[in-house]
Amino acid sequence: MDRQHTLRHGDTLAVIQQQGAELSALDAHGHAWLWDAQPSWPRHAPVLFPIVGRLQQDSLLHDGQRHGMTQHGFARDRAFRWLEREERRCSLELTADTQTRALYPFDFRLVLEFTVGDATLRCVATVGNPGQAPLPFSVGAHPAFRWPLPGCEGRDGHRLRFPDLDTQALTVSRLRDGLLSGEEETLPIPGDGLPLDTALFARDALVFRDLPTRRARFCGPSGAAVDMRWDGYRDFGVWTKPQEAPFLCLEPWRGHASPAGWEGEFNGKPGIVNLPAGEEASFTWTVDLVPPGSATAG
């Protein structure tokens, strides 16, 4: 029982795991919206900390010393400590210990807070620096939503929209071996949104750096939609496995993978946050789940 906690509000349900502070189920309107971690990708919504993406040689350089750090960091694989467990809200905490300091030689406090409402989920990640020097880090979310969306017969006809942008194109950065390759691509964005197809992900994720909006909408031909908003995050990743895996990840990030060939000190890494001693910073993402048949989902 202590390993997970269920949040409820009306017919909205969310399950949070102690391991990784990971959202593992999200139901509303009589449908399951979150990917169920099948073998093709055995995660639901991992927390990314203290890095997003990969580092060159999978190592973190600090004061001339190298520390092994695999993709997306260690938080997603650590057991958090419960702080609060209420009907609609819960929070969990991860702090530095001997194991984390071997990988990431800093003191830190990471708190994840989840709240459910009427067909909505809000997640706040707060990073605190109890140390005496600036804390370098990145943080991100990686929730995977079912594709096709509820009420849709197949994956065709789904789109990604940026409702607050008046643009016909956006620039995406491309990855190679998990690192920013330096290659950029202009994606046409029609008025009704970017048509989604697995071919888009043949070269890994779409990385929107410094995206000039804080809202995206994943919508299907049934009228169902996942409307995501975020605050504090600057970059946005969109990903699925190109082998027809039935999910789409919508990923607000503060930070991103290292540029290929970049091997400097971690506190100078492009996209890194350097949090002053004694301070904290919060990063929020929220999803509103729009049911099939909605006229406002497109």
Protein backbone atom coordinates (compact mmCIF):
# COMPACT_ATOMS: atom_id res chain seq x y z
CA MET A 1 0.00 0.00 0.00
CA ASP A 2 2.82 2.39 0.79
CA ARG A 3 4.26 1.88 -2.67
CA GLN A 4 1.52 3.85 -4.40
CA HIS A 5 -1.23 6.36 -3.72
CA THR A 6 -4.49 6.90 -5.60
CA LEU A 7 -5.89 10.40 -6.07
CA ARG A 8 -9.61 10.84 -6.83
CA HIS A 9 -12.00 13.62 -7.74
CA GLY A 10 -15.34 12.56 -9.20
CA ASP A 11 -14.55 10.12 -12.00
CA THR A 12 -10.96 11.41 -12.30
CA LEU A 13 -8.32 9.06 -10.92
CA ALA A 14 -4.53 9.24 -10.82
CA VAL A 15 -2.11 6.71 -9.35
CA ILE A 16 1.31 7.86 -8.11
CA GLN A 17 4.13 5.42 -7.42
CA GLN A 18 6.67 5.87 -4.64
CA GLN A 19 9.32 4.53 -7.00
CA GLY A 20 10.41 7.45 -9.12
CA ALA A 21 7.43 9.58 -7.98
CA GLU A 22 5.93 8.33 -11.25
CA LEU A 23 2.38 8.87 -12.42
CA SER A 24 1.26 5.38 -13.49
CA ALA A 25 -2.45 5.82 -14.29
CA LEU A 26 -4.70 8.69 -15.28
CA ASP A 27 -8.40 8.04 -15.89
CA ALA A 28 -11.23 10.46 -16.65
CA HIS A 29 -14.52 10.49 -18.58
CA GLY A 30 -14.60 6.69 -18.29
CA HIS A 31 -11.33 6.27 -20.23
CA ALA A 32 -7.69 5.50 -19.46
CA TRP A 33 -5.47 8.25 -20.90
CA LEU A 34 -1.99 7.24 -19.80
CA TRP A 35 0.18 4.63 -21.52
CA ASP A 36 0.26 1.39 -19.52
CA ALA A 37 4.00 0.66 -19.71
CA GLN A 38 3.94 -2.33 -22.04
CA PRO A 39 7.29 -3.99 -22.91
CA SER A 40 7.82 -1.78 -25.96
CA TRP A 41 8.51 1.05 -23.46
CA PRO A 42 8.11 -0.05 -19.83
CA ARG A 43 7.53 3.37 -18.27
CA HIS A 44 4.51 5.64 -17.81
CA ALA A 45 5.70 9.16 -16.96
CA PRO A 46 9.24 9.26 -15.59
CA VAL A 47 10.63 12.28 -13.74
CA LEU A 48 13.80 13.61 -15.38
CA PHE A 49 16.41 14.90 -12.90
CA PRO A 50 19.17 16.09 -12.57
CA ILE A 51 19.59 15.93 -16.36
CA VAL A 52 17.31 15.86 -19.38
CA GLY A 53 18.53 13.68 -22.23
CA ARG A 54 22.10 12.44 -22.43
CA LEU A 55 25.49 13.83 -21.49
CA GLN A 56 28.53 13.33 -23.70
CA GLN A 57 30.07 9.97 -22.75
CA ASP A 58 27.28 9.59 -20.17
CA SER A 59 29.41 11.45 -17.67
CA LEU A 60 29.10 14.62 -15.62
CA LEU A 61 32.24 16.74 -15.24
CA HIS A 62 32.52 18.72 -12.00
CA ASP A 63 35.72 20.31 -10.69
CA GLY A 64 37.69 18.20 -13.15
CA GLN A 65 36.21 14.91 -11.88
CA ARG A 66 33.94 12.69 -13.96
CA HIS A 67 30.80 11.07 -12.55
CA GLY A 68 28.78 8.49 -14.46
CA MET A 69 25.29 9.74 -15.33
CA THR A 70 22.97 7.87 -17.67
CA GLN A 71 20.21 9.38 -19.79
CA HIS A 72 17.59 11.45 -17.95
CA GLY A 73 19.31 11.04 -14.58
CA PHE A 74 18.61 8.90 -11.55
CA ALA A 75 15.40 10.30 -10.01
CA ARG A 76 13.15 8.07 -12.10
CA ASP A 77 14.78 4.98 -10.55
CA ARG A 78 14.87 6.06 -6.90
CA ALA A 79 12.31 5.55 -4.13
CA PHE A 80 10.94 8.88 -2.93
CA ARG A 81 9.64 9.58 0.57
CA TRP A 82 5.96 10.39 1.07
CA LEU A 83 5.34 13.86 2.47
CA GLU A 84 1.54 14.13 2.09
CA ARG A 85 -1.14 11.63 1.05
CA GLU A 86 -4.60 13.13 0.74
CA GLU A 87 -7.68 12.35 -1.36
CA ARG A 88 -6.91 14.81 -4.15
CA ARG A 89 -3.29 15.66 -3.49
CA CYS A 90 -0.01 14.01 -2.59
CA SER A 91 3.66 14.97 -2.46
CA LEU A 92 6.94 13.06 -2.37
CA GLU A 93 10.55 14.02 -1.68
CA LEU A 94 13.98 12.89 -2.82
CA THR A 95 17.16 14.19 -1.19
CA ALA A 96 20.86 13.59 -1.65
CA ASP A 97 22.50 10.53 -0.13
CA THR A 98 25.73 8.57 -0.57
CA GLN A 99 24.49 6.90 -3.74
CA THR A 100 23.33 10.09 -5.45
CA ARG A 101 26.51 11.99 -4.51
CA ALA A 102 28.60 9.36 -6.29
CA LEU A 103 26.73 10.27 -9.49
CA TYR A 104 25.91 13.89 -8.80
CA PRO A 105 28.19 15.51 -6.21
CA PHE A 106 25.66 18.03 -4.89
CA ASP A 107 23.14 18.37 -2.10
CA PHE A 108 19.60 18.83 -3.39
CA ARG A 109 15.94 18.47 -2.50
CA LEU A 110 13.41 17.43 -5.15
CA VAL A 111 9.70 17.50 -4.28
CA LEU A 112 6.94 16.27 -6.62
CA GLU A 113 3.39 17.37 -5.86
CA PHE A 114 0.36 15.96 -7.72
CA THR A 115 -3.21 17.33 -7.57
CA VAL A 116 -6.30 16.07 -9.41
CA GLY A 117 -9.39 18.07 -10.33
CA ASP A 118 -12.29 17.62 -12.70
CA ALA A 119 -10.61 15.75 -15.61
CA THR A 120 -7.35 17.52 -14.84
CA LEU A 121 -3.99 16.71 -13.28
CA ARG A 122 -1.39 19.19 -12.04
CA CYS A 123 2.21 18.27 -11.27
CA VAL A 124 4.68 20.65 -9.58
CA ALA A 125 8.37 19.78 -9.34
CA THR A 126 10.27 21.93 -6.83
CA VAL A 127 14.07 21.83 -6.70
CA GLY A 128 15.75 23.17 -3.58
CA ASN A 129 19.42 23.92 -2.97
CA PRO A 130 20.44 23.29 0.67
CA GLY A 131 24.13 23.55 -0.24
CA GLN A 132 26.61 26.41 -0.03
CA ALA A 133 27.29 26.80 -3.75
CA PRO A 134 25.04 27.09 -6.84
CA LEU A 135 23.25 23.86 -7.77
CA PRO A 136 23.44 22.97 -11.48
CA PHE A 137 20.55 20.84 -12.76
CA SER A 138 17.94 20.22 -15.39
CA VAL A 139 14.44 18.88 -14.78
CA GLY A 140 11.72 17.55 -17.01
CA ALA A 141 8.49 15.59 -17.33
CA HIS A 142 7.95 12.62 -19.66
CA PRO A 143 4.27 11.54 -19.54
CA ALA A 144 3.16 9.10 -22.24
CA PHE A 145 -0.43 9.33 -23.44
CA ARG A 146 -2.28 6.65 -25.35
CA TRP A 147 -2.23 6.98 -29.12
CA PRO A 148 -4.92 6.51 -30.37
CA LEU A 149 -6.76 8.74 -27.95
CA PRO A 150 -10.08 7.58 -26.42
CA GLY A 151 -12.84 7.08 -28.97
CA CYS A 152 -10.42 6.90 -31.92
CA GLU A 153 -10.26 3.70 -33.95
CA GLY A 154 -6.63 4.09 -35.02
CA ARG A 155 -3.63 6.40 -34.96
CA ASP A 156 -4.53 8.24 -38.18
CA GLY A 157 -5.90 11.76 -37.94
CA HIS A 158 -4.17 12.77 -34.71
CA ARG A 159 -2.51 16.18 -34.56
CA LEU A 160 -0.34 18.30 -32.33
CA ARG A 161 -1.47 21.89 -32.02
CA PHE A 162 0.02 24.96 -30.39
CA PRO A 163 -3.17 26.98 -29.84
CA ASP A 164 -1.46 30.15 -28.62
CA LEU A 165 0.88 30.46 -31.61
CA ASP A 166 0.06 32.22 -34.87
CA THR A 167 2.67 30.50 -37.01
CA GLN A 168 2.92 28.28 -40.04
CA ALA A 169 6.22 26.64 -39.05
CA LEU A 170 8.41 25.81 -36.06
CA THR A 171 12.09 24.91 -35.77
CA VAL A 172 13.01 21.59 -34.17
CA SER A 173 16.44 20.41 -33.10
CA ARG A 174 17.38 16.84 -33.92
CA LEU A 175 19.17 14.21 -31.84
CA ARG A 176 21.86 11.73 -32.80
CA ASP A 177 22.71 8.99 -30.31
CA GLY A 178 20.73 10.93 -27.73
CA LEU A 179 22.78 14.14 -28.15
CA LEU A 180 21.85 17.35 -29.95
CA SER A 181 23.28 16.84 -33.40
CA GLY A 182 23.39 20.52 -34.39
CA GLU A 183 20.90 19.78 -37.15
CA GLU A 184 17.74 21.86 -37.20
CA GLU A 185 14.64 21.31 -39.24
CA THR A 186 11.70 23.54 -40.07
CA LEU A 187 8.38 21.76 -39.54
CA PRO A 188 5.34 23.19 -41.31
CA ILE A 189 2.48 23.66 -38.85
CA PRO A 190 -0.84 23.96 -40.68
CA GLY A 191 -3.65 25.87 -39.06
CA ASP A 192 -5.23 22.65 -37.84
CA GLY A 193 -1.96 21.40 -36.34
CA LEU A 194 0.97 19.14 -37.13
CA PRO A 195 -0.21 15.78 -38.55
CA LEU A 196 1.30 13.03 -36.39
CA ASP A 197 2.93 10.02 -37.95
CA THR A 198 5.61 7.67 -36.68
CA ALA A 199 7.86 8.76 -39.57
CA LEU A 200 8.31 12.08 -37.72
CA PHE A 201 10.21 10.16 -35.03
CA ALA A 202 12.48 8.07 -37.22
CA ARG A 203 15.36 10.28 -36.00
CA ASP A 204 14.29 10.29 -32.36
CA ALA A 205 12.35 13.02 -30.55
CA LEU A 206 11.23 16.39 -31.83
CA VAL A 207 13.04 18.93 -29.64
CA PHE A 208 11.49 22.41 -29.55
CA ARG A 209 14.07 24.63 -27.83
CA ASP A 210 12.83 27.85 -26.22
CA LEU A 211 9.36 27.20 -27.61
CA PRO A 212 7.51 30.55 -27.72
CA THR A 213 4.40 29.14 -26.03
CA ARG A 214 3.60 27.24 -22.86
CA ARG A 215 0.72 25.20 -24.23
CA ALA A 216 0.29 22.23 -26.59
CA ARG A 217 -2.72 20.12 -27.52
CA PHE A 218 -2.64 16.49 -28.65
CA CYS A 219 -5.98 15.84 -30.33
CA GLY A 220 -7.68 13.04 -32.23
CA PRO A 221 -10.49 12.72 -34.78
CA SER A 222 -12.93 11.59 -32.07
CA GLY A 223 -12.76 15.03 -30.47
CA ALA A 224 -10.69 13.72 -27.57
CA ALA A 225 -7.66 15.79 -26.59
CA VAL A 226 -4.91 16.20 -24.04
CA ASP A 227 -4.48 19.91 -23.43
CA MET A 228 -1.13 20.54 -21.71
CA ARG A 229 0.11 23.77 -20.12
CA TRP A 230 3.37 24.38 -18.32
CA ASP A 231 5.25 27.04 -16.39
CA GLY A 232 8.95 27.30 -15.56
CA TYR A 233 9.92 24.89 -18.32
CA ARG A 234 11.34 26.37 -21.53
CA ASP A 235 11.88 23.49 -23.91
CA PHE A 236 9.44 20.86 -25.15
CA GLY A 237 10.04 17.35 -26.42
CA VAL A 238 7.64 15.12 -28.33
CA TRP A 239 8.48 11.45 -28.75
CA THR A 240 7.29 7.98 -29.52
CA LYS A 241 9.11 4.86 -30.55
CA PRO A 242 9.03 4.73 -34.35
CA GLN A 243 8.10 1.02 -34.30
CA GLU A 244 4.37 1.81 -34.02
CA ALA A 245 4.30 1.94 -30.21
CA PRO A 246 0.82 3.18 -29.22
CA PHE A 247 1.76 6.22 -27.16
CA LEU A 248 2.91 9.82 -27.54
CA CYS A 249 5.06 11.58 -24.95
CA LEU A 250 4.51 15.29 -24.30
CA GLU A 251 7.58 16.51 -22.40
CA PRO A 252 8.07 19.95 -20.83
CA TRP A 253 11.76 20.41 -20.05
CA ARG A 254 14.05 22.90 -18.36
CA GLY A 255 17.22 21.87 -20.13
CA HIS A 256 18.02 19.39 -22.85
CA ALA A 257 20.63 16.89 -24.03
CA SER A 258 24.23 17.98 -24.46
CA PRO A 259 25.32 19.14 -27.89
CA ALA A 260 27.38 16.43 -29.61
CA GLY A 261 31.04 16.96 -28.75
CA TRP A 262 30.39 19.25 -25.78
CA GLU A 263 32.47 18.09 -22.79
CA GLY A 264 32.69 21.11 -20.48
CA GLU A 265 31.98 21.45 -16.77
CA PHE A 266 28.41 20.56 -15.89
CA ASN A 267 27.60 24.00 -14.50
CA GLY A 268 28.33 25.50 -17.93
CA LYS A 269 26.31 23.00 -19.94
CA PRO A 270 23.92 24.63 -22.43
CA GLY A 271 20.42 24.75 -20.96
CA ILE A 272 21.52 24.12 -17.37
CA VAL A 273 19.99 25.92 -14.38
CA ASN A 274 22.38 27.17 -11.68
CA LEU A 275 20.22 27.59 -8.58
CA PRO A 276 21.72 29.88 -5.91
CA ALA A 277 22.45 28.46 -2.45
CA GLY A 278 19.43 28.41 -0.17
CA GLU A 279 16.93 28.99 -2.96
CA GLU A 280 14.33 26.84 -4.69
CA ALA A 281 12.59 26.84 -8.08
CA SER A 282 9.30 25.29 -9.15
CA PHE A 283 8.23 23.84 -12.50
CA THR A 284 4.60 23.01 -13.26
CA TRP A 285 2.73 21.05 -15.90
CA THR A 286 -1.02 20.55 -16.11
CA VAL A 287 -3.18 18.44 -18.38
CA ASP A 288 -6.88 18.89 -19.07
CA LEU A 289 -8.49 15.79 -20.57
CA VAL A 290 -11.11 16.56 -23.22
CA PRO A 291 -13.59 13.71 -23.85
CA PRO A 292 -14.52 12.20 -27.22
CA GLY A 293 -17.27 14.12 -28.97
CA SER A 294 -16.10 17.51 -27.77
CA ALA A 295 -16.50 20.29 -30.32
CA THR A 296 -13.62 22.23 -28.74
CA ALA A 297 -10.95 19.56 -29.02
CA GLY A 298 -9.63 20.35 -32.47
